[in-house]
Amino acid sequence: MRAERNITRRQSLKYIATGIVTVGAAVATGTYYSLISHSPMQVSTQATVDQTMTPTKSAASASATRNVVLVHGAFADGSSWSKVIGLLQKDGYNVTAVQTPMASLADDISRVRRVLSMQDGPTIVAGHSFGGTVITGLGSDAPNVVGIVFIAAFAPEKGESMKALSSTLPQPPGSVAIRPDPYGYLWLDPEGVVKYFAPDIDPDEARILAAVQKPIAASEISDDTPFGDPAWKFVPSWYQVSEDDMMISPDAERFMASRVNATTTSVKSSHVAMISHPNETAALIELAANQSK
């Protein structure tokens, strides 16, 4: 464990709240720059937190929103949320990590929709990476959803296709590690996982992540079907930018967070903040739960 992981979950929430206030001030003063300017404002929760602390169990009981559904992205599966799941469960939340098929966007959305419909009340849905595309596609009638959290995720706009979005955004360094197979799926080269996808976690852990990765159908990335009304237009949204991301440009993440009008914070993390910075990630999800009705 790195030496800087020495603050509490309560302090982590304070960092997030401070970052959110700073984002608001930056927007108001015109110092928040979009993707086009290439001069991004950074609001970073750079301090990491002690993962051995004892979480309180009062968070969920103090919130009307007790359910959390987590959606993984490409080159990962539901187990990528394991550290966040443990923290949320200790704080009293009912947590479900969806295993999406990654064969078609329609099937991914359908799987998430079924899980959401099984929740017993108000629910926060959080998506990582391509998982953001999936939860965006839930549209105006996402069952039980009262808030959306994007973790270094795609957030398409109405009329935009995944093909257009992925071709418009800057190509990240990690794209060189993507490997197609003969069956129409895309994988990340194992060493690419270590170098680009998850460089801030233990290399042995990153190689396990590579071994259990779930490939994505190339057709999901190249799909030129325009999106309908995005789910984030109907419920409040939160967005966590990964400042050291090499799979989606941090500038692109800030751009998408801005147009979603999300409550935004950032963390000095690789693409997999839910693994390398689970406390900050869990804290943002809890903040969304506490502020949603």
C-alpha atoms as a PDB file:
ATOM      1  CA  MET A   1       0.000   0.000   0.000  1.00  0.00           C
ATOM      2  CA  ARG A   2       1.407   3.384  -0.947  1.00  0.00           C
ATOM      3  CA  ALA A   3       2.355   5.799   1.808  1.00  0.00           C
ATOM      4  CA  GLU A   4      -0.038   8.546   0.729  1.00  0.00           C
ATOM      5  CA  ARG A   5      -3.123   6.442   1.495  1.00  0.00           C
ATOM      6  CA  ASN A   6      -3.581   7.965   4.887  1.00  0.00           C
ATOM      7  CA  ILE A   7      -6.865   9.879   4.992  1.00  0.00           C
ATOM      8  CA  THR A   8     -10.313   8.750   6.094  1.00  0.00           C
ATOM      9  CA  ARG A   9     -13.456   8.204   4.043  1.00  0.00           C
ATOM     10  CA  ARG A  10     -14.927  11.312   5.672  1.00  0.00           C
ATOM     11  CA  GLN A  11     -11.942  13.310   4.404  1.00  0.00           C
ATOM     12  CA  SER A  12     -12.423  11.761   0.976  1.00  0.00           C
ATOM     13  CA  LEU A  13     -15.987  13.086   0.909  1.00  0.00           C
ATOM     14  CA  LYS A  14     -14.634  16.482   1.943  1.00  0.00           C
ATOM     15  CA  TYR A  15     -12.163  16.440  -0.970  1.00  0.00           C
ATOM     16  CA  ILE A  16     -14.988  15.623  -3.381  1.00  0.00           C
ATOM     17  CA  ALA A  17     -17.219  18.367  -2.009  1.00  0.00           C
ATOM     18  CA  THR A  18     -14.341  20.863  -2.244  1.00  0.00           C
ATOM     19  CA  GLY A  19     -13.665  19.815  -5.826  1.00  0.00           C
ATOM     20  CA  ILE A  20     -17.314  20.240  -6.769  1.00  0.00           C
ATOM     21  CA  VAL A  21     -17.389  23.766  -5.340  1.00  0.00           C
ATOM     22  CA  THR A  22     -14.207  24.574  -7.267  1.00  0.00           C
ATOM     23  CA  VAL A  23     -15.747  23.302 -10.513  1.00  0.00           C
ATOM     24  CA  GLY A  24     -18.765  25.556  -9.984  1.00  0.00           C
ATOM     25  CA  ALA A  25     -16.547  28.558  -9.338  1.00  0.00           C
ATOM     26  CA  ALA A  26     -14.461  27.813 -12.419  1.00  0.00           C
ATOM     27  CA  VAL A  27     -17.534  27.625 -14.630  1.00  0.00           C
ATOM     28  CA  ALA A  28     -18.880  30.871 -13.199  1.00  0.00           C
ATOM     29  CA  THR A  29     -15.619  32.719 -13.856  1.00  0.00           C
ATOM     30  CA  GLY A  30     -15.078  31.300 -17.312  1.00  0.00           C
ATOM     31  CA  THR A  31     -11.913  29.397 -16.401  1.00  0.00           C
ATOM     32  CA  TYR A  32     -13.359  25.952 -17.139  1.00  0.00           C
ATOM     33  CA  TYR A  33     -12.144  24.883 -20.563  1.00  0.00           C
ATOM     34  CA  SER A  34     -13.684  22.237 -22.759  1.00  0.00           C
ATOM     35  CA  LEU A  35     -12.054  19.543 -24.823  1.00  0.00           C
ATOM     36  CA  ILE A  36     -11.484  21.961 -27.689  1.00  0.00           C
ATOM     37  CA  SER A  37      -9.268  24.384 -25.731  1.00  0.00           C
ATOM     38  CA  HIS A  38      -6.832  21.701 -24.537  1.00  0.00           C
ATOM     39  CA  SER A  39      -6.348  23.797 -21.397  1.00  0.00           C
ATOM     40  CA  PRO A  40      -8.291  21.753 -18.862  1.00  0.00           C
ATOM     41  CA  MET A  41      -9.119  22.883 -15.390  1.00  0.00           C
ATOM     42  CA  GLN A  42      -8.084  20.200 -12.919  1.00  0.00           C
ATOM     43  CA  VAL A  43     -10.073  19.532  -9.792  1.00  0.00           C
ATOM     44  CA  SER A  44      -8.267  16.605  -8.301  1.00  0.00           C
ATOM     45  CA  THR A  45      -8.831  14.391  -5.304  1.00  0.00           C
ATOM     46  CA  GLN A  46      -5.138  13.580  -5.434  1.00  0.00           C
ATOM     47  CA  ALA A  47      -4.890  12.296  -1.879  1.00  0.00           C
ATOM     48  CA  THR A  48      -5.735   8.634  -1.710  1.00  0.00           C
ATOM     49  CA  VAL A  49      -7.403   7.055   1.261  1.00  0.00           C
ATOM     50  CA  ASP A  50      -6.758   4.332   3.756  1.00  0.00           C
ATOM     51  CA  GLN A  51      -8.577   1.229   2.574  1.00  0.00           C
ATOM     52  CA  THR A  52      -8.202  -0.433   5.984  1.00  0.00           C
ATOM     53  CA  MET A  53     -10.479   2.043   7.766  1.00  0.00           C
ATOM     54  CA  THR A  54     -13.760   0.860   9.266  1.00  0.00           C
ATOM     55  CA  PRO A  55     -16.632   2.371   7.260  1.00  0.00           C
ATOM     56  CA  THR A  56     -19.706   3.572   9.072  1.00  0.00           C
ATOM     57  CA  LYS A  57     -23.057   1.958   8.345  1.00  0.00           C
ATOM     58  CA  SER A  58     -25.012   5.172   8.660  1.00  0.00           C
ATOM     59  CA  ALA A  59     -24.659   6.408   5.078  1.00  0.00           C
ATOM     60  CA  ALA A  60     -27.402   4.323   3.492  1.00  0.00           C
ATOM     61  CA  SER A  61     -29.775   4.677   6.423  1.00  0.00           C
ATOM     62  CA  ALA A  62     -29.471   8.463   6.165  1.00  0.00           C
ATOM     63  CA  SER A  63     -30.348   8.339   2.465  1.00  0.00           C
ATOM     64  CA  ALA A  64     -33.621   7.420   0.814  1.00  0.00           C
ATOM     65  CA  THR A  65     -31.565   5.847  -1.990  1.00  0.00           C
ATOM     66  CA  ARG A  66     -30.209   2.529  -0.744  1.00  0.00           C
ATOM     67  CA  ASN A  67     -29.718   0.658  -4.023  1.00  0.00           C
ATOM     68  CA  VAL A  68     -26.688   0.871  -6.304  1.00  0.00           C
ATOM     69  CA  VAL A  69     -26.298  -0.880  -9.658  1.00  0.00           C
ATOM     70  CA  LEU A  70     -22.805  -0.959 -11.181  1.00  0.00           C
ATOM     71  CA  VAL A  71     -22.085  -1.437 -14.893  1.00  0.00           C
ATOM     72  CA  HIS A  72     -18.630  -2.462 -16.102  1.00  0.00           C
ATOM     73  CA  GLY A  73     -17.003  -1.342 -19.313  1.00  0.00           C
ATOM     74  CA  ALA A  74     -15.084  -3.064 -22.088  1.00  0.00           C
ATOM     75  CA  PHE A  75     -12.112  -5.289 -21.236  1.00  0.00           C
ATOM     76  CA  ALA A  76     -13.461  -5.846 -17.715  1.00  0.00           C
ATOM     77  CA  ASP A  77     -16.341  -7.570 -15.958  1.00  0.00           C
ATOM     78  CA  GLY A  78     -18.405  -7.005 -12.837  1.00  0.00           C
ATOM     79  CA  SER A  79     -15.531  -8.091 -10.589  1.00  0.00           C
ATOM     80  CA  SER A  80     -13.708  -4.868 -11.490  1.00  0.00           C
ATOM     81  CA  TRP A  81     -16.050  -3.166  -9.001  1.00  0.00           C
ATOM     82  CA  SER A  82     -15.127  -5.537  -6.139  1.00  0.00           C
ATOM     83  CA  LYS A  83     -13.378  -2.991  -3.918  1.00  0.00           C
ATOM     84  CA  VAL A  84     -16.150  -0.436  -4.359  1.00  0.00           C
ATOM     85  CA  ILE A  85     -18.810  -3.078  -3.708  1.00  0.00           C
ATOM     86  CA  GLY A  86     -17.248  -3.946  -0.357  1.00  0.00           C
ATOM     87  CA  LEU A  87     -17.124  -0.317   0.744  1.00  0.00           C
ATOM     88  CA  LEU A  88     -20.715   0.364  -0.280  1.00  0.00           C
ATOM     89  CA  GLN A  89     -21.991  -2.792   1.398  1.00  0.00           C
ATOM     90  CA  LYS A  90     -20.229  -1.862   4.635  1.00  0.00           C
ATOM     91  CA  ASP A  91     -22.052   1.457   4.484  1.00  0.00           C
ATOM     92  CA  GLY A  92     -25.393  -0.314   4.187  1.00  0.00           C
ATOM     93  CA  TYR A  93     -26.127  -0.133   0.463  1.00  0.00           C
ATOM     94  CA  ASN A  94     -27.705  -2.910  -1.596  1.00  0.00           C
ATOM     95  CA  VAL A  95     -25.283  -3.391  -4.475  1.00  0.00           C
ATOM     96  CA  THR A  96     -25.590  -5.300  -7.754  1.00  0.00           C
ATOM     97  CA  ALA A  97     -22.835  -5.499 -10.367  1.00  0.00           C
ATOM     98  CA  VAL A  98     -24.316  -6.340 -13.760  1.00  0.00           C
ATOM     99  CA  GLN A  99     -22.506  -8.735 -16.092  1.00  0.00           C
ATOM    100  CA  THR A 100     -23.268  -7.310 -19.526  1.00  0.00           C
ATOM    101  CA  PRO A 101     -22.853  -9.571 -22.573  1.00  0.00           C
ATOM    102  CA  MET A 102     -20.861  -7.000 -24.608  1.00  0.00           C
ATOM    103  CA  ALA A 103     -22.209  -8.558 -27.805  1.00  0.00           C
ATOM    104  CA  SER A 104     -24.517  -5.673 -28.763  1.00  0.00           C
ATOM    105  CA  LEU A 105     -25.506  -2.393 -27.187  1.00  0.00           C
ATOM    106  CA  ALA A 106     -29.170  -3.373 -27.244  1.00  0.00           C
ATOM    107  CA  ASP A 107     -28.417  -6.551 -25.275  1.00  0.00           C
ATOM    108  CA  ASP A 108     -26.247  -4.645 -22.792  1.00  0.00           C
ATOM    109  CA  ILE A 109     -29.000  -2.094 -22.174  1.00  0.00           C
ATOM    110  CA  SER A 110     -31.608  -4.822 -21.847  1.00  0.00           C
ATOM    111  CA  ARG A 111     -29.528  -6.671 -19.237  1.00  0.00           C
ATOM    112  CA  VAL A 112     -29.068  -3.525 -17.167  1.00  0.00           C
ATOM    113  CA  ARG A 113     -32.738  -2.591 -17.503  1.00  0.00           C
ATOM    114  CA  ARG A 114     -33.790  -6.001 -16.147  1.00  0.00           C
ATOM    115  CA  VAL A 115     -31.519  -5.652 -13.130  1.00  0.00           C
ATOM    116  CA  LEU A 116     -32.781  -2.131 -12.451  1.00  0.00           C
ATOM    117  CA  SER A 117     -36.386  -3.303 -12.625  1.00  0.00           C
ATOM    118  CA  MET A 118     -35.653  -5.800  -9.846  1.00  0.00           C
ATOM    119  CA  GLN A 119     -34.533  -3.111  -7.380  1.00  0.00           C
ATOM    120  CA  ASP A 120     -36.937  -2.381  -4.537  1.00  0.00           C
ATOM    121  CA  GLY A 121     -36.784   1.408  -4.693  1.00  0.00           C
ATOM    122  CA  PRO A 122     -34.752   4.443  -5.759  1.00  0.00           C
ATOM    123  CA  THR A 123     -31.455   3.421  -7.336  1.00  0.00           C
ATOM    124  CA  ILE A 124     -28.151   4.967  -8.359  1.00  0.00           C
ATOM    125  CA  VAL A 125     -26.681   3.460 -11.510  1.00  0.00           C
ATOM    126  CA  ALA A 126     -22.952   3.902 -12.104  1.00  0.00           C
ATOM    127  CA  GLY A 127     -21.095   3.076 -15.303  1.00  0.00           C
ATOM    128  CA  HIS A 128     -17.381   2.763 -15.998  1.00  0.00           C
ATOM    129  CA  SER A 129     -15.928   3.407 -19.449  1.00  0.00           C
ATOM    130  CA  PHE A 130     -18.240   1.827 -22.076  1.00  0.00           C
ATOM    131  CA  GLY A 131     -20.663   1.216 -19.209  1.00  0.00           C
ATOM    132  CA  GLY A 132     -21.432   4.934 -19.498  1.00  0.00           C
ATOM    133  CA  THR A 133     -22.695   4.328 -23.028  1.00  0.00           C
ATOM    134  CA  VAL A 134     -24.900   1.533 -21.755  1.00  0.00           C
ATOM    135  CA  ILE A 135     -26.511   3.544 -18.950  1.00  0.00           C
ATOM    136  CA  THR A 136     -26.929   6.557 -21.244  1.00  0.00           C
ATOM    137  CA  GLY A 137     -28.907   4.280 -23.557  1.00  0.00           C
ATOM    138  CA  LEU A 138     -31.476   3.576 -20.832  1.00  0.00           C
ATOM    139  CA  GLY A 139     -33.279   6.704 -22.027  1.00  0.00           C
ATOM    140  CA  SER A 140     -36.137   8.486 -20.313  1.00  0.00           C
ATOM    141  CA  ASP A 141     -37.646   5.514 -18.498  1.00  0.00           C
ATOM    142  CA  ALA A 142     -34.762   3.829 -16.679  1.00  0.00           C
ATOM    143  CA  PRO A 143     -36.494   1.712 -13.995  1.00  0.00           C
ATOM    144  CA  ASN A 144     -36.041   3.062 -10.433  1.00  0.00           C
ATOM    145  CA  VAL A 145     -33.084   5.271 -11.433  1.00  0.00           C
ATOM    146  CA  VAL A 146     -32.810   8.585  -9.568  1.00  0.00           C
ATOM    147  CA  GLY A 147     -29.185   9.401 -10.334  1.00  0.00           C
ATOM    148  CA  ILE A 148     -26.350   8.452 -12.686  1.00  0.00           C
ATOM    149  CA  VAL A 149     -22.630   8.294 -11.921  1.00  0.00           C
ATOM    150  CA  PHE A 150     -20.038   8.200 -14.695  1.00  0.00           C
ATOM    151  CA  ILE A 151     -16.577   6.861 -13.814  1.00  0.00           C
ATOM    152  CA  ALA A 152     -14.138   7.751 -16.639  1.00  0.00           C
ATOM    153  CA  ALA A 153     -17.020   6.902 -18.948  1.00  0.00           C
ATOM    154  CA  PHE A 154     -18.525   7.675 -22.318  1.00  0.00           C
ATOM    155  CA  ALA A 155     -21.647   9.839 -22.209  1.00  0.00           C
ATOM    156  CA  PRO A 156     -23.158  10.129 -25.692  1.00  0.00           C
ATOM    157  CA  GLU A 157     -25.562  12.896 -26.685  1.00  0.00           C
ATOM    158  CA  LYS A 158     -28.864  12.530 -28.542  1.00  0.00           C
ATOM    159  CA  GLY A 159     -28.308  12.062 -32.272  1.00  0.00           C
ATOM    160  CA  GLU A 160     -24.708  11.010 -31.748  1.00  0.00           C
ATOM    161  CA  SER A 161     -23.573   7.483 -32.573  1.00  0.00           C
ATOM    162  CA  MET A 162     -20.881   5.503 -30.811  1.00  0.00           C
ATOM    163  CA  LYS A 163     -18.939   5.442 -34.067  1.00  0.00           C
ATOM    164  CA  ALA A 164     -19.071   9.229 -34.346  1.00  0.00           C
ATOM    165  CA  LEU A 165     -18.164   9.757 -30.695  1.00  0.00           C
ATOM    166  CA  SER A 166     -15.211   7.359 -30.698  1.00  0.00           C
ATOM    167  CA  SER A 167     -13.854   8.767 -33.968  1.00  0.00           C
ATOM    168  CA  THR A 168     -14.248  12.395 -32.875  1.00  0.00           C
ATOM    169  CA  LEU A 169     -12.514  12.100 -29.521  1.00  0.00           C
ATOM    170  CA  PRO A 170      -8.693  12.107 -29.369  1.00  0.00           C
ATOM    171  CA  GLN A 171      -7.189   8.650 -29.809  1.00  0.00           C
ATOM    172  CA  PRO A 172      -5.712   7.636 -26.440  1.00  0.00           C
ATOM    173  CA  PRO A 173      -2.313   5.927 -26.057  1.00  0.00           C
ATOM    174  CA  GLY A 174      -3.968   2.685 -24.993  1.00  0.00           C
ATOM    175  CA  SER A 175      -5.619   2.201 -28.376  1.00  0.00           C
ATOM    176  CA  VAL A 176      -2.397   0.599 -29.643  1.00  0.00           C
ATOM    177  CA  ALA A 177      -2.995  -2.330 -27.265  1.00  0.00           C
ATOM    178  CA  ILE A 178      -6.440  -3.265 -28.659  1.00  0.00           C
ATOM    179  CA  ARG A 179      -6.435  -6.576 -30.538  1.00  0.00           C
ATOM    180  CA  PRO A 180      -9.267  -7.895 -32.749  1.00  0.00           C
ATOM    181  CA  ASP A 181      -9.980 -11.621 -32.808  1.00  0.00           C
ATOM    182  CA  PRO A 182     -11.336 -13.676 -35.738  1.00  0.00           C
ATOM    183  CA  TYR A 183     -14.842 -13.626 -34.249  1.00  0.00           C
ATOM    184  CA  GLY A 184     -15.482  -9.897 -34.321  1.00  0.00           C
ATOM    185  CA  TYR A 185     -14.478  -9.069 -30.746  1.00  0.00           C
ATOM    186  CA  LEU A 186     -11.860  -6.687 -29.365  1.00  0.00           C
ATOM    187  CA  TRP A 187      -9.440  -7.565 -26.561  1.00  0.00           C
ATOM    188  CA  LEU A 188      -6.694  -5.706 -24.722  1.00  0.00           C
ATOM    189  CA  ASP A 189      -3.236  -7.185 -24.988  1.00  0.00           C
ATOM    190  CA  PRO A 190      -2.249  -8.415 -21.473  1.00  0.00           C
ATOM    191  CA  GLU A 191       0.790  -6.166 -21.315  1.00  0.00           C
ATOM    192  CA  GLY A 192      -1.390  -3.336 -22.594  1.00  0.00           C
ATOM    193  CA  VAL A 193      -3.588  -3.796 -19.524  1.00  0.00           C
ATOM    194  CA  VAL A 194      -0.516  -3.358 -17.335  1.00  0.00           C
ATOM    195  CA  LYS A 195       0.886  -0.412 -19.297  1.00  0.00           C
ATOM    196  CA  TYR A 196      -2.225   1.526 -20.325  1.00  0.00           C
ATOM    197  CA  PHE A 197      -5.412   0.225 -18.734  1.00  0.00           C
ATOM    198  CA  ALA A 198      -4.323  -0.171 -15.114  1.00  0.00           C
ATOM    199  CA  PRO A 199      -0.754   1.108 -14.662  1.00  0.00           C
ATOM    200  CA  ASP A 200      -1.376   2.374 -11.122  1.00  0.00           C
ATOM    201  CA  ILE A 201      -2.249  -0.984  -9.585  1.00  0.00           C
ATOM    202  CA  ASP A 202       0.065  -3.869  -8.746  1.00  0.00           C
ATOM    203  CA  PRO A 203       1.235  -5.468 -12.030  1.00  0.00           C
ATOM    204  CA  ASP A 204       0.239  -8.922 -10.792  1.00  0.00           C
ATOM    205  CA  GLU A 205      -3.268  -7.631 -10.080  1.00  0.00           C
ATOM    206  CA  ALA A 206      -3.345  -6.026 -13.537  1.00  0.00           C
ATOM    207  CA  ARG A 207      -2.423  -9.346 -15.165  1.00  0.00           C
ATOM    208  CA  ILE A 208      -5.306 -11.027 -13.332  1.00  0.00           C
ATOM    209  CA  LEU A 209      -7.540  -8.252 -14.649  1.00  0.00           C
ATOM    210  CA  ALA A 210      -6.261  -9.062 -18.153  1.00  0.00           C
ATOM    211  CA  ALA A 211      -6.961 -12.765 -17.644  1.00  0.00           C
ATOM    212  CA  VAL A 212     -10.615 -12.211 -16.693  1.00  0.00           C
ATOM    213  CA  GLN A 213     -11.295  -9.401 -19.170  1.00  0.00           C
ATOM    214  CA  LYS A 214     -14.511  -9.482 -21.138  1.00  0.00           C
ATOM    215  CA  PRO A 215     -14.023  -8.571 -24.797  1.00  0.00           C
ATOM    216  CA  ILE A 216     -16.400  -6.229 -26.562  1.00  0.00           C
ATOM    217  CA  ALA A 217     -17.917  -6.771 -30.001  1.00  0.00           C
ATOM    218  CA  ALA A 218     -16.218  -4.448 -32.464  1.00  0.00           C
ATOM    219  CA  SER A 219     -19.682  -3.632 -33.792  1.00  0.00           C
ATOM    220  CA  GLU A 220     -20.529  -1.910 -30.483  1.00  0.00           C
ATOM    221  CA  ILE A 221     -17.746   0.627 -31.082  1.00  0.00           C
ATOM    222  CA  SER A 222     -18.442   1.057 -34.795  1.00  0.00           C
ATOM    223  CA  ASP A 223     -22.235   1.270 -34.446  1.00  0.00           C
ATOM    224  CA  ASP A 224     -23.531   4.297 -36.343  1.00  0.00           C
ATOM    225  CA  THR A 225     -27.076   4.144 -34.932  1.00  0.00           C
ATOM    226  CA  PRO A 226     -27.922   7.572 -33.418  1.00  0.00           C
ATOM    227  CA  PHE A 227     -28.745   7.641 -29.729  1.00  0.00           C
ATOM    228  CA  GLY A 228     -32.184   8.700 -28.626  1.00  0.00           C
ATOM    229  CA  ASP A 229     -32.832  10.764 -25.521  1.00  0.00           C
ATOM    230  CA  PRO A 230     -29.957  10.058 -23.105  1.00  0.00           C
ATOM    231  CA  ALA A 231     -30.809   8.955 -19.571  1.00  0.00           C
ATOM    232  CA  TRP A 232     -28.678  11.743 -18.102  1.00  0.00           C
ATOM    233  CA  LYS A 233     -31.169  14.354 -19.362  1.00  0.00           C
ATOM    234  CA  PHE A 234     -33.840  13.046 -16.988  1.00  0.00           C
ATOM    235  CA  VAL A 235     -32.006  12.534 -13.683  1.00  0.00           C
ATOM    236  CA  PRO A 236     -29.060  14.265 -11.966  1.00  0.00           C
ATOM    237  CA  SER A 237     -25.597  13.087 -12.954  1.00  0.00           C
ATOM    238  CA  TRP A 238     -22.160  12.922 -11.357  1.00  0.00           C
ATOM    239  CA  TYR A 239     -18.870  12.408 -13.196  1.00  0.00           C
ATOM    240  CA  GLN A 240     -15.428  11.364 -11.939  1.00  0.00           C
ATOM    241  CA  VAL A 241     -12.582  12.261 -14.320  1.00  0.00           C
ATOM    242  CA  SER A 242      -9.443  10.096 -14.258  1.00  0.00           C
ATOM    243  CA  GLU A 243      -6.592  12.557 -14.741  1.00  0.00           C
ATOM    244  CA  ASP A 244      -4.009   9.937 -15.795  1.00  0.00           C
ATOM    245  CA  ASP A 245      -6.335   7.962 -18.072  1.00  0.00           C
ATOM    246  CA  MET A 246      -4.691   6.424 -21.136  1.00  0.00           C
ATOM    247  CA  MET A 247      -7.834   4.703 -22.473  1.00  0.00           C
ATOM    248  CA  ILE A 248     -10.117   7.756 -22.718  1.00  0.00           C
ATOM    249  CA  SER A 249      -8.543  11.191 -22.899  1.00  0.00           C
ATOM    250  CA  PRO A 250      -9.053  13.137 -19.646  1.00  0.00           C
ATOM    251  CA  ASP A 251      -9.893  16.164 -21.817  1.00  0.00           C
ATOM    252  CA  ALA A 252     -12.621  14.099 -23.475  1.00  0.00           C
ATOM    253  CA  GLU A 253     -13.937  13.065 -20.074  1.00  0.00           C
ATOM    254  CA  ARG A 254     -14.126  16.694 -18.969  1.00  0.00           C
ATOM    255  CA  PHE A 255     -15.898  17.588 -22.217  1.00  0.00           C
ATOM    256  CA  MET A 256     -18.505  14.883 -21.719  1.00  0.00           C
ATOM    257  CA  ALA A 257     -18.965  15.763 -18.040  1.00  0.00           C
ATOM    258  CA  SER A 258     -19.512  19.393 -19.015  1.00  0.00           C
ATOM    259  CA  ARG A 259     -22.162  18.740 -21.640  1.00  0.00           C
ATOM    260  CA  VAL A 260     -23.934  16.316 -19.310  1.00  0.00           C
ATOM    261  CA  ASN A 261     -23.948  19.158 -16.766  1.00  0.00           C
ATOM    262  CA  ALA A 262     -22.711  16.649 -14.223  1.00  0.00           C
ATOM    263  CA  THR A 263     -21.500  17.393 -10.747  1.00  0.00           C
ATOM    264  CA  THR A 264     -17.841  16.767 -11.489  1.00  0.00           C
ATOM    265  CA  THR A 265     -14.765  15.811  -9.545  1.00  0.00           C
ATOM    266  CA  SER A 266     -11.477  14.223 -10.545  1.00  0.00           C
ATOM    267  CA  VAL A 267      -8.894  11.842  -9.184  1.00  0.00           C
ATOM    268  CA  LYS A 268      -5.275  11.310 -10.172  1.00  0.00           C
ATOM    269  CA  SER A 269      -5.905   7.834 -11.472  1.00  0.00           C
ATOM    270  CA  SER A 270      -5.589   5.548 -14.443  1.00  0.00           C
ATOM    271  CA  HIS A 271      -8.673   4.386 -16.319  1.00  0.00           C
ATOM    272  CA  VAL A 272      -9.607   2.005 -13.483  1.00  0.00           C
ATOM    273  CA  ALA A 273     -10.259   4.408 -10.605  1.00  0.00           C
ATOM    274  CA  MET A 274     -12.694   1.937  -9.057  1.00  0.00           C
ATOM    275  CA  ILE A 275      -9.701  -0.374  -8.509  1.00  0.00           C
ATOM    276  CA  SER A 276      -6.860   2.051  -7.772  1.00  0.00           C
ATOM    277  CA  HIS A 277      -8.992   4.646  -5.945  1.00  0.00           C
ATOM    278  CA  PRO A 278     -12.026   2.738  -4.630  1.00  0.00           C
ATOM    279  CA  ASN A 279     -12.608   5.041  -1.659  1.00  0.00           C
ATOM    280  CA  GLU A 280     -13.004   8.158  -3.768  1.00  0.00           C
ATOM    281  CA  THR A 281     -15.159   6.252  -6.240  1.00  0.00           C
ATOM    282  CA  ALA A 282     -17.417   4.841  -3.522  1.00  0.00           C
ATOM    283  CA  ALA A 283     -17.610   8.255  -1.869  1.00  0.00           C
ATOM    284  CA  LEU A 284     -18.876   9.869  -5.083  1.00  0.00           C
ATOM    285  CA  ILE A 285     -21.527   7.174  -5.497  1.00  0.00           C
ATOM    286  CA  GLU A 286     -22.624   7.713  -1.895  1.00  0.00           C
ATOM    287  CA  LEU A 287     -22.725  11.453  -2.473  1.00  0.00           C
ATOM    288  CA  ALA A 288     -25.029  10.849  -5.453  1.00  0.00           C
ATOM    289  CA  ALA A 289     -27.235   8.602  -3.323  1.00  0.00           C
ATOM    290  CA  ASN A 290     -27.455  11.206  -0.573  1.00  0.00           C
ATOM    291  CA  GLN A 291     -28.334  13.989  -3.014  1.00  0.00           C
ATOM    292  CA  SER A 292     -30.864  12.028  -5.114  1.00  0.00           C
ATOM    293  CA  LYS A 293     -34.535  11.498  -4.364  1.00  0.00           C
END
